[in-house]
Amino acid sequence: MLTAGDFKNGVTFEMEGKVYQVIEFQHVKPGKGAAFVRTKYRDVMTGAIREQSFNPTAKFENAVIERKDLQYSYDDGDLYHFLDTETWEETLISRDMVGDNFKFVKEEMMCKISSFKGKVFSVEPPTFVELAVVATEPGVRGDTATNVTKPATLETGAVVKVPIFINEGEVLKIDTRTGDYVERV
């Protein structure tokens, strides 16, 4: 059990059958009246953010979120298959759970899977990945104004903007959080 007076950033708790994570909190002691805790929290399943004030003695259940590193195996259209390399158990995750930044993940990459009571709610790909360029236009000589970019298709099918000096076959480091080119490898 935990009370609203114990809230800190990042603490997870259960309320009304849902799991929330504290984003911001502030203990308020007005000159008149009882103290309270002003809280901003996120629903970990849906991502919705709410603000609410609680009595510091209000009690909540601790919510233990399990985070595991699982290896991405393959997808069969609607389901993505992940493998726990320690227990060899396979986990199936639906397409709508993986998100847009999953387009940079190729087979056998390790991803962080977050779940609560066995229900997966988040799939995080590695922060940086190294992928080969399979198609891009050649750079035009003399086109060297600052920050000139061109589209490049990577081995996973994702398209990113790269500098004009990048050619087919080169391996690039990509930031999966933003989808930006970082450097050549």
Protein backbone atom coordinates (compact mmCIF):
# COMPACT_ATOMS: atom_id res chain seq x y z
CA MET A 1 0.00 0.00 0.00
CA LEU A 2 1.07 3.52 -0.69
CA THR A 3 -0.44 6.88 0.22
CA ALA A 4 -0.72 10.02 -1.89
CA GLY A 5 1.80 11.59 0.50
CA ASP A 6 4.36 9.02 -0.77
CA PHE A 7 3.99 10.07 -4.43
CA LYS A 8 7.21 10.72 -6.34
CA ASN A 9 7.84 11.11 -10.08
CA GLY A 10 7.71 7.72 -11.79
CA VAL A 11 5.75 5.91 -9.02
CA THR A 12 3.07 3.57 -10.38
CA PHE A 13 -0.21 2.92 -8.58
CA GLU A 14 -3.60 1.29 -9.12
CA MET A 15 -6.82 3.26 -8.88
CA GLU A 16 -10.29 2.14 -9.96
CA GLY A 17 -8.83 -0.95 -11.67
CA LYS A 18 -6.41 1.02 -13.84
CA VAL A 19 -2.65 1.55 -13.61
CA TYR A 20 -1.23 5.07 -13.46
CA GLN A 21 2.25 6.58 -13.32
CA VAL A 22 2.96 9.87 -11.53
CA ILE A 23 4.39 12.51 -13.88
CA GLU A 24 4.36 15.49 -11.51
CA PHE A 25 3.31 15.98 -7.92
CA GLN A 26 3.21 18.87 -5.48
CA HIS A 27 2.47 18.82 -1.75
CA VAL A 28 0.30 21.86 -0.98
CA LYS A 29 -0.27 23.18 2.54
CA PRO A 30 -2.68 26.13 2.28
CA GLY A 31 -2.94 28.64 5.12
CA LYS A 32 -6.53 27.62 5.67
CA GLY A 33 -7.86 24.08 5.32
CA ALA A 34 -6.25 20.67 5.01
CA ALA A 35 -3.11 19.84 3.05
CA PHE A 36 -3.43 18.02 -0.28
CA VAL A 37 -1.28 16.53 -3.04
CA ARG A 38 -1.76 18.02 -6.52
CA THR A 39 -0.89 15.23 -8.98
CA LYS A 40 -0.47 14.87 -12.73
CA TYR A 41 -0.50 11.22 -13.78
CA ARG A 42 -0.60 9.07 -16.94
CA ASP A 43 -2.67 5.97 -17.66
CA VAL A 44 0.06 3.49 -18.64
CA MET A 45 -2.27 1.46 -20.87
CA THR A 46 -3.75 4.30 -22.95
CA GLY A 47 -1.28 7.14 -22.39
CA ALA A 48 -4.03 9.56 -21.31
CA ILE A 49 -2.88 12.23 -18.85
CA ARG A 50 -5.04 13.48 -15.97
CA GLU A 51 -4.65 15.96 -13.13
CA GLN A 52 -6.23 15.49 -9.73
CA SER A 53 -5.78 16.51 -6.10
CA PHE A 54 -5.67 13.85 -3.40
CA ASN A 55 -5.80 13.85 0.38
CA PRO A 56 -2.25 12.90 1.54
CA THR A 57 -3.70 9.95 3.48
CA ALA A 58 -5.54 8.49 0.45
CA LYS A 59 -4.38 4.89 -0.04
CA PHE A 60 -3.56 3.13 -3.31
CA GLU A 61 -2.24 -0.28 -4.29
CA ASN A 62 1.34 -0.39 -5.61
CA ALA A 63 1.40 -1.35 -9.29
CA VAL A 64 4.41 -3.45 -10.23
CA ILE A 65 5.25 -3.07 -13.91
CA GLU A 66 7.38 -5.84 -15.37
CA ARG A 67 9.97 -4.84 -17.98
CA LYS A 68 11.76 -7.55 -19.93
CA ASP A 69 14.17 -7.63 -22.84
CA LEU A 70 12.72 -9.86 -25.55
CA GLN A 71 14.12 -10.68 -28.96
CA TYR A 72 11.98 -9.78 -31.97
CA SER A 73 11.58 -12.91 -34.12
CA TYR A 74 9.15 -12.11 -36.95
CA ASP A 75 5.67 -10.86 -37.77
CA ASP A 76 2.93 -12.78 -39.53
CA GLY A 77 0.81 -9.81 -40.56
CA ASP A 78 -1.30 -9.07 -37.49
CA LEU A 79 0.94 -10.46 -34.74
CA TYR A 80 4.55 -9.79 -33.82
CA HIS A 81 6.46 -12.70 -32.28
CA PHE A 82 8.97 -12.04 -29.49
CA LEU A 83 11.21 -14.61 -27.79
CA ASP A 84 12.47 -14.60 -24.19
CA THR A 85 16.08 -15.75 -24.66
CA GLU A 86 16.28 -17.04 -21.07
CA THR A 87 13.14 -19.18 -20.87
CA TRP A 88 12.54 -19.68 -24.63
CA GLU A 89 8.91 -18.61 -24.21
CA GLU A 90 7.25 -16.86 -27.13
CA THR A 91 5.15 -13.72 -26.62
CA LEU A 92 2.66 -12.57 -29.25
CA ILE A 93 1.88 -8.86 -29.53
CA SER A 94 -0.71 -7.28 -31.83
CA ARG A 95 0.23 -4.77 -34.53
CA ASP A 96 -1.50 -1.83 -32.78
CA MET A 97 0.73 -2.22 -29.67
CA VAL A 98 4.13 -1.78 -31.37
CA GLY A 99 3.91 1.84 -32.58
CA ASP A 100 5.42 3.77 -35.48
CA ASN A 101 9.06 3.64 -34.37
CA PHE A 102 9.00 -0.15 -34.76
CA LYS A 103 9.63 0.30 -38.50
CA PHE A 104 13.36 0.52 -37.67
CA VAL A 105 13.49 -2.90 -35.97
CA LYS A 106 14.75 -5.94 -37.85
CA GLU A 107 14.66 -9.58 -36.82
CA GLU A 108 16.74 -10.68 -33.81
CA MET A 109 16.91 -7.17 -32.27
CA MET A 110 16.22 -6.90 -28.53
CA CYS A 111 13.21 -4.78 -27.47
CA LYS A 112 11.93 -3.75 -24.02
CA ILE A 113 8.46 -5.09 -23.33
CA SER A 114 6.46 -3.53 -20.47
CA SER A 115 3.54 -5.42 -18.97
CA PHE A 116 1.21 -5.32 -15.99
CA LYS A 117 -0.23 -8.60 -14.69
CA GLY A 118 0.77 -10.29 -17.96
CA LYS A 119 -0.91 -7.68 -20.20
CA VAL A 120 1.59 -5.99 -22.53
CA PHE A 121 1.07 -2.24 -22.90
CA SER A 122 4.36 -0.99 -24.34
CA VAL A 123 7.05 -2.15 -26.80
CA GLU A 124 10.23 -0.05 -26.91
CA PRO A 125 12.72 -0.70 -29.71
CA PRO A 126 16.44 -0.12 -29.08
CA THR A 127 17.25 3.61 -28.90
CA PHE A 128 19.78 3.40 -31.73
CA VAL A 129 19.88 0.86 -34.56
CA GLU A 130 22.33 0.25 -37.39
CA LEU A 131 20.67 -0.33 -40.76
CA ALA A 132 21.93 -0.56 -44.34
CA VAL A 133 20.72 1.76 -47.11
CA VAL A 134 19.08 -0.27 -49.90
CA ALA A 135 17.96 2.58 -52.16
CA THR A 136 18.75 6.28 -52.50
CA GLU A 137 19.31 8.80 -55.26
CA PRO A 138 22.93 9.74 -55.97
CA GLY A 139 24.01 13.15 -54.68
CA VAL A 140 24.19 15.93 -57.27
CA ARG A 141 27.57 17.62 -57.62
CA GLY A 142 27.38 21.27 -56.64
CA ASP A 143 24.24 20.80 -54.55
CA THR A 144 26.05 21.55 -51.31
CA ALA A 145 23.97 24.19 -49.57
CA THR A 146 23.73 23.68 -45.85
CA ASN A 147 21.64 20.77 -44.61
CA VAL A 148 20.69 19.37 -48.01
CA THR A 149 19.01 15.99 -47.50
CA LYS A 150 17.52 13.27 -49.64
CA PRO A 151 15.27 10.28 -48.87
CA ALA A 152 16.93 6.89 -48.31
CA THR A 153 15.16 3.53 -47.98
CA LEU A 154 16.62 1.29 -45.27
CA GLU A 155 16.70 -2.52 -45.14
CA THR A 156 13.55 -2.60 -42.99
CA GLY A 157 11.61 -0.56 -45.55
CA ALA A 158 11.66 2.65 -43.50
CA VAL A 159 12.48 5.90 -45.30
CA VAL A 160 14.66 8.53 -43.60
CA LYS A 161 16.21 11.84 -44.64
CA VAL A 162 19.99 11.59 -45.03
CA PRO A 163 22.76 13.96 -46.19
CA ILE A 164 23.53 13.91 -49.93
CA PHE A 165 26.88 12.12 -49.47
CA ILE A 166 25.19 8.87 -48.30
CA ASN A 167 25.20 6.08 -50.92
CA GLU A 168 23.49 2.70 -51.29
CA GLY A 169 25.06 -0.09 -49.25
CA GLU A 170 26.29 2.15 -46.43
CA VAL A 171 25.30 1.31 -42.85
CA LEU A 172 23.71 4.15 -40.87
CA LYS A 173 23.01 4.73 -37.20
CA ILE A 174 19.35 5.78 -36.70
CA ASP A 175 17.69 7.21 -33.57
CA THR A 176 14.40 5.25 -33.26
CA ARG A 177 12.81 7.85 -30.96
CA THR A 178 12.88 10.56 -33.63
CA GLY A 179 13.54 8.58 -36.83
CA ASP A 180 16.57 10.75 -37.59
CA TYR A 181 19.88 9.84 -39.21
CA VAL A 182 22.71 10.12 -36.64
CA GLU A 183 25.91 9.03 -38.40
CA ARG A 184 27.56 6.55 -40.75
CA VAL A 185 28.87 3.38 -39.15
